[in-house]
């Protein structure tokens, strides 16, 4: 991971962003965010992984399961997929898990799908985050029209949480003053890591990314020379490292809400990936 610069941090916060889909009854953005990360073996991504993941989606759809999730496929870094599920509370997450375990038919399908999918993976890990409204800015919970997601992780030096909050306040104030298009959702690591913050920025198209970078000058102008100096100092003393990656939302691997599918079936309900063509049978040699 690289040490973040002031310009890079401003770019992270400048990108047009949002939260993510949550359990049906959950407030938005969801308070609890569970992320499963799969690292895909070389040559096993794309349509091969789509077919495997569709088994999970079809199993959930057949039972009309109320909790949905979004799948993200990496466009930068190592080949991997993220699966994001939101809940209004940890209690709601437990109730959802308990209900799945009591449904023998669904559990059986998910178990079989997991065995098949595991053959395509190098590794798998999981994380749990908690929504931080104080360092979020105009989060947009509706991802029905989103096509890309910028995922940024900031590792904070121990004991510098207050500095992080001050840093976020400076960024928010500058964007408000500049009138940029920025909006994002911030989550704090609850389980699976240390002092980390996750910033999610959703884009309708890559033109939104262009716009976010172009607004960097407006951001710096609103911050001012003295403000930028203090900004750089806070970054140096507060942030140990950071990483930012670009992902594409994959509808074939997502279990999207029904209203999203009805509103845009061409994207959220694409045709199932074609099965690999069968190898032709070898020609029989004539009998001597």
Protein backbone atom coordinates (compact mmCIF):
# COMPACT_ATOMS: atom_id res chain seq x y z
CA UNK A 1 0.00 0.00 0.00
CA UNK A 2 1.10 3.51 -0.76
CA UNK A 3 1.29 6.54 1.52
CA UNK A 4 -1.56 8.85 0.55
CA UNK A 5 -0.86 12.35 -0.75
CA UNK A 6 -3.04 15.37 -0.18
CA UNK A 7 -4.12 15.42 -3.83
CA UNK A 8 -4.97 11.73 -3.79
CA UNK A 9 -7.02 12.05 -0.62
CA UNK A 10 -8.90 14.96 -2.12
CA UNK A 11 -9.60 12.83 -5.19
CA UNK A 12 -10.94 9.96 -3.07
CA UNK A 13 -13.36 12.29 -1.33
CA UNK A 14 -14.25 14.14 -4.53
CA UNK A 15 -15.58 11.17 -6.48
CA UNK A 16 -19.34 10.90 -6.82
CA UNK A 17 -20.34 8.17 -4.39
CA UNK A 18 -22.98 6.35 -2.42
CA UNK A 19 -23.77 3.68 0.10
CA UNK A 20 -25.04 0.26 -0.92
CA UNK A 21 -28.05 -1.95 -0.94
CA UNK A 22 -29.25 -3.02 2.50
CA UNK A 23 -31.62 -5.56 3.99
CA UNK A 24 -35.21 -4.71 3.05
CA UNK A 25 -36.24 -3.13 6.34
CA UNK A 26 -32.90 -1.42 6.99
CA UNK A 27 -32.38 2.35 7.17
CA UNK A 28 -30.00 3.70 4.56
CA UNK A 29 -27.11 3.77 4.51
CA UNK A 30 -27.03 0.46 6.39
CA UNK A 31 -25.27 0.62 9.75
CA UNK A 32 -23.59 -2.76 9.40
CA UNK A 33 -21.76 -3.70 6.21
CA UNK A 34 -20.50 -7.24 5.69
CA UNK A 35 -18.01 -7.76 2.84
CA UNK A 36 -16.83 -11.09 1.47
CA UNK A 37 -13.73 -10.89 -0.72
CA UNK A 38 -12.81 -13.63 -3.17
CA UNK A 39 -9.45 -13.82 -4.95
CA UNK A 40 -9.96 -15.53 -8.30
CA UNK A 41 -7.52 -17.99 -9.86
CA UNK A 42 -5.97 -16.90 -13.17
CA UNK A 43 -8.26 -17.79 -16.06
CA UNK A 44 -11.25 -18.43 -13.78
CA UNK A 45 -12.84 -14.98 -13.76
CA UNK A 46 -15.33 -13.60 -16.29
CA UNK A 47 -18.04 -15.92 -17.59
CA UNK A 48 -16.60 -18.90 -15.68
CA UNK A 49 -17.04 -17.16 -12.34
CA UNK A 50 -20.38 -15.66 -13.44
CA UNK A 51 -21.81 -19.14 -13.99
CA UNK A 52 -20.58 -20.29 -10.61
CA UNK A 53 -21.91 -17.26 -8.73
CA UNK A 54 -25.27 -17.47 -10.50
CA UNK A 55 -25.94 -20.60 -8.45
CA UNK A 56 -26.03 -18.48 -5.29
CA UNK A 57 -28.25 -15.85 -6.93
CA UNK A 58 -30.71 -18.42 -8.26
CA UNK A 59 -30.93 -20.14 -4.86
CA UNK A 60 -31.75 -16.83 -3.14
CA UNK A 61 -34.23 -15.85 -5.85
CA UNK A 62 -36.11 -19.16 -5.68
CA UNK A 63 -36.79 -18.62 -1.99
CA UNK A 64 -37.45 -14.87 -2.51
CA UNK A 65 -34.92 -14.13 0.23
CA UNK A 66 -35.44 -10.56 1.59
CA UNK A 67 -31.75 -9.70 2.05
CA UNK A 68 -29.93 -8.62 -1.11
CA UNK A 69 -26.28 -8.07 -2.00
CA UNK A 70 -24.15 -6.40 -4.67
CA UNK A 71 -21.17 -7.96 -6.44
CA UNK A 72 -18.13 -5.95 -7.50
CA UNK A 73 -15.44 -7.22 -9.88
CA UNK A 74 -11.98 -5.64 -9.83
CA UNK A 75 -10.76 -3.42 -12.67
CA UNK A 76 -7.47 -2.71 -10.91
CA UNK A 77 -5.15 -4.71 -8.68
CA UNK A 78 -5.32 -8.46 -8.25
CA UNK A 79 -8.29 -10.29 -9.75
CA UNK A 80 -10.97 -10.42 -7.06
CA UNK A 81 -14.66 -10.00 -6.33
CA UNK A 82 -16.37 -8.22 -3.43
CA UNK A 83 -19.86 -9.08 -2.17
CA UNK A 84 -21.50 -6.31 -0.11
CA UNK A 85 -24.45 -6.94 2.19
CA UNK A 86 -25.94 -4.31 4.49
CA UNK A 87 -27.97 -4.68 7.69
CA UNK A 88 -29.65 -2.16 10.02
CA UNK A 89 -27.96 -3.77 13.05
CA UNK A 90 -25.89 -6.75 14.18
CA UNK A 91 -29.08 -8.26 15.58
CA UNK A 92 -30.68 -8.11 12.13
CA UNK A 93 -27.63 -9.84 10.68
CA UNK A 94 -27.96 -12.65 13.25
CA UNK A 95 -31.67 -13.07 12.46
CA UNK A 96 -30.87 -13.36 8.78
CA UNK A 97 -28.19 -16.01 9.47
CA UNK A 98 -30.53 -17.93 11.77
CA UNK A 99 -33.28 -17.92 9.14
CA UNK A 100 -30.90 -19.26 6.47
CA UNK A 101 -29.75 -22.09 8.74
CA UNK A 102 -33.36 -23.10 9.43
CA UNK A 103 -34.08 -23.34 5.71
CA UNK A 104 -32.67 -26.77 4.87
CA UNK A 105 -33.36 -26.52 1.13
CA UNK A 106 -31.61 -23.16 0.81
CA UNK A 107 -28.69 -24.28 2.97
CA UNK A 108 -28.20 -27.32 0.79
CA UNK A 109 -28.13 -25.25 -2.39
CA UNK A 110 -25.71 -22.72 -0.88
CA UNK A 111 -23.41 -25.47 0.35
CA UNK A 112 -23.26 -27.09 -3.09
CA UNK A 113 -22.66 -23.72 -4.73
CA UNK A 114 -19.84 -22.99 -2.25
CA UNK A 115 -18.05 -26.25 -3.07
CA UNK A 116 -18.26 -25.58 -6.79
CA UNK A 117 -17.21 -21.93 -6.44
CA UNK A 118 -14.29 -22.82 -4.19
CA UNK A 119 -12.56 -24.57 -7.08
CA UNK A 120 -12.21 -21.17 -8.82
CA UNK A 121 -10.70 -19.31 -5.86
CA UNK A 122 -7.19 -18.72 -4.57
CA UNK A 123 -8.49 -17.51 -1.20
CA UNK A 124 -11.42 -15.88 0.58
CA UNK A 125 -11.72 -13.49 3.53
CA UNK A 126 -14.44 -11.45 5.24
CA UNK A 127 -14.77 -8.06 6.92
CA UNK A 128 -17.37 -6.19 8.94
CA UNK A 129 -17.71 -2.39 8.91
CA UNK A 130 -19.86 0.09 10.81
CA UNK A 131 -21.31 3.22 9.21
CA UNK A 132 -19.75 6.53 10.30
CA UNK A 133 -22.19 9.39 9.53
CA UNK A 134 -19.87 12.09 10.92
CA UNK A 135 -17.23 11.53 8.22
CA UNK A 136 -19.67 10.74 5.40
CA UNK A 137 -20.86 13.42 2.99
CA UNK A 138 -24.22 13.40 1.19
CA UNK A 139 -24.30 9.59 0.80
CA UNK A 140 -26.62 8.35 -1.93
CA UNK A 141 -28.11 4.97 -0.95
CA UNK A 142 -29.65 4.24 -4.36
CA UNK A 143 -27.21 2.22 -6.42
CA UNK A 144 -29.77 1.10 -9.00
CA UNK A 145 -28.12 3.28 -11.69
CA UNK A 146 -24.52 2.81 -10.48
CA UNK A 147 -22.14 0.89 -12.71
CA UNK A 148 -18.75 1.39 -11.01
CA UNK A 149 -17.48 1.61 -7.44
CA UNK A 150 -14.32 3.24 -6.14
CA UNK A 151 -13.26 1.51 -2.92
CA UNK A 152 -10.70 3.37 -0.80
CA UNK A 153 -9.17 2.08 2.44
CA UNK A 154 -7.29 4.32 4.88
CA UNK A 155 -5.11 2.85 7.64
CA UNK A 156 -4.96 5.27 10.56
CA UNK A 157 -2.03 5.53 12.92
CA UNK A 158 -2.91 4.28 16.43
CA UNK A 159 -4.39 7.02 18.61
CA UNK A 160 -5.16 9.37 15.71
CA UNK A 161 -8.92 8.87 15.37
CA UNK A 162 -9.64 12.46 16.40
CA UNK A 163 -7.16 13.68 13.78
CA UNK A 164 -8.97 11.58 11.18
CA UNK A 165 -12.26 13.24 12.15
CA UNK A 166 -10.65 16.66 11.85
CA UNK A 167 -9.19 15.72 8.48
CA UNK A 168 -12.60 14.58 7.23
CA UNK A 169 -14.22 17.80 8.49
CA UNK A 170 -11.68 19.87 6.55
CA UNK A 171 -12.43 17.90 3.38
CA UNK A 172 -16.20 18.20 3.82
CA UNK A 173 -16.02 21.95 4.51
CA UNK A 174 -13.87 22.50 1.40
CA UNK A 175 -16.28 20.58 -0.83
CA UNK A 176 -19.24 22.49 0.58
CA UNK A 177 -17.46 25.78 -0.08
CA UNK A 178 -16.41 24.76 -3.60
CA UNK A 179 -19.84 23.35 -4.45
CA UNK A 180 -18.42 20.18 -5.97
CA UNK A 181 -20.41 17.06 -6.87
CA UNK A 182 -18.70 15.03 -4.13
CA UNK A 183 -20.64 12.59 -1.96
CA UNK A 184 -19.50 9.41 -0.22
CA UNK A 185 -20.23 6.90 2.55
CA UNK A 186 -17.61 6.17 5.22
CA UNK A 187 -17.42 2.94 7.21
CA UNK A 188 -15.16 2.13 10.14
CA UNK A 189 -13.64 -1.33 10.49
CA UNK A 190 -15.46 -3.28 13.20
CA UNK A 191 -14.02 -6.78 12.68
CA UNK A 192 -11.35 -8.18 10.38
CA UNK A 193 -8.62 -5.55 10.71
CA UNK A 194 -7.22 -2.65 12.71
CA UNK A 195 -7.74 1.12 12.59
CA UNK A 196 -9.16 1.29 9.08
CA UNK A 197 -11.79 3.38 7.33
CA UNK A 198 -13.56 2.41 4.13
CA UNK A 199 -14.86 5.02 1.70
CA UNK A 200 -17.31 3.92 -0.99
CA UNK A 201 -17.87 6.05 -4.07
CA UNK A 202 -20.31 4.86 -6.72
CA UNK A 203 -20.31 6.14 -10.32
CA UNK A 204 -22.97 5.98 -13.00
CA UNK A 205 -20.21 6.04 -15.60
CA UNK A 206 -16.50 6.69 -15.83
CA UNK A 207 -17.37 10.27 -16.78
CA UNK A 208 -18.13 10.77 -13.07
CA UNK A 209 -14.53 9.81 -12.32
CA UNK A 210 -13.29 12.38 -14.83
CA UNK A 211 -15.44 15.00 -13.15
CA UNK A 212 -14.11 14.10 -9.70
CA UNK A 213 -10.51 14.55 -10.81
CA UNK A 214 -11.34 17.81 -12.62
CA UNK A 215 -12.86 19.24 -9.44
CA UNK A 216 -9.56 18.78 -7.59
CA UNK A 217 -8.52 22.36 -8.42
CA UNK A 218 -11.78 23.74 -7.03
CA UNK A 219 -11.19 21.71 -3.89
CA UNK A 220 -7.68 23.09 -3.41
CA UNK A 221 -8.90 26.63 -4.07
CA UNK A 222 -11.61 26.29 -1.44
CA UNK A 223 -9.08 24.89 1.04
CA UNK A 224 -6.68 27.81 0.51
CA UNK A 225 -2.89 27.86 0.82
CA UNK A 226 -2.82 27.77 4.62
CA UNK A 227 -5.56 25.17 4.70
CA UNK A 228 -3.67 22.93 2.27
CA UNK A 229 -0.54 23.23 4.41
CA UNK A 230 -2.43 22.11 7.51
CA UNK A 231 -4.14 19.44 5.43
CA UNK A 232 -0.81 17.95 4.33
CA UNK A 233 0.51 17.98 7.89
CA UNK A 234 -2.57 16.17 9.18
CA UNK A 235 -2.29 13.55 6.44
CA UNK A 236 1.35 12.90 7.30
CA UNK A 237 0.65 12.51 11.02
CA UNK A 238 -2.68 10.67 10.76
CA UNK A 239 -2.67 8.27 7.81
CA UNK A 240 -0.21 5.40 7.84
CA UNK A 241 -1.14 4.08 4.38
CA UNK A 242 -4.00 3.93 1.91
CA UNK A 243 -5.20 2.03 -1.11
CA UNK A 244 -7.78 2.85 -3.75
CA UNK A 245 -9.17 0.43 -6.32
CA UNK A 246 -11.77 0.58 -9.07
CA UNK A 247 -14.50 -2.06 -9.39
CA UNK A 248 -17.33 -2.71 -11.82
CA UNK A 249 -20.74 -3.70 -10.51
CA UNK A 250 -21.56 -7.16 -11.85
CA UNK A 251 -25.33 -7.77 -12.15
CA UNK A 252 -24.84 -11.47 -12.96
CA UNK A 253 -23.27 -12.04 -9.56
CA UNK A 254 -25.56 -9.65 -7.65
CA UNK A 255 -28.81 -10.52 -5.90
CA UNK A 256 -30.51 -7.20 -6.65
CA UNK A 257 -33.85 -5.95 -5.26
CA UNK A 258 -36.86 -6.65 -7.45
CA UNK A 259 -37.61 -2.94 -7.92
CA UNK A 260 -34.15 -2.43 -9.46
CA UNK A 261 -34.71 -5.31 -11.86
CA UNK A 262 -38.13 -3.99 -12.93
CA UNK A 263 -36.74 -0.48 -13.44
CA UNK A 264 -33.78 -1.63 -15.55
CA UNK A 265 -34.07 -5.29 -16.55
CA UNK A 266 -31.49 -4.93 -19.35
CA UNK A 267 -28.76 -4.30 -16.78
CA UNK A 268 -29.92 -6.04 -13.60
CA UNK A 269 -31.29 -9.16 -15.31
CA UNK A 270 -28.90 -9.92 -18.17
CA UNK A 271 -28.99 -13.18 -20.07
CA UNK A 272 -27.35 -16.06 -18.27
CA UNK A 273 -23.74 -16.67 -19.35
CA UNK A 274 -23.55 -19.33 -22.03
CA UNK A 275 -22.24 -22.74 -21.03
CA UNK A 276 -18.93 -23.76 -22.61
CA UNK A 277 -19.34 -25.53 -25.92
CA UNK A 278 -19.07 -29.29 -25.77
CA UNK A 279 -15.98 -30.81 -27.35
CA UNK A 280 -16.76 -32.60 -30.61
CA UNK A 281 -16.62 -36.39 -30.42
CA UNK A 282 -13.51 -37.88 -32.00
CA UNK A 283 -14.04 -39.34 -35.46
CA UNK A 284 -14.13 -43.10 -35.62
CA UNK A 285 -11.38 -44.66 -37.61
CA UNK A 286 -12.51 -47.09 -40.32
CA UNK A 287 -12.02 -50.75 -39.52
CA UNK A 288 -9.05 -52.19 -41.46
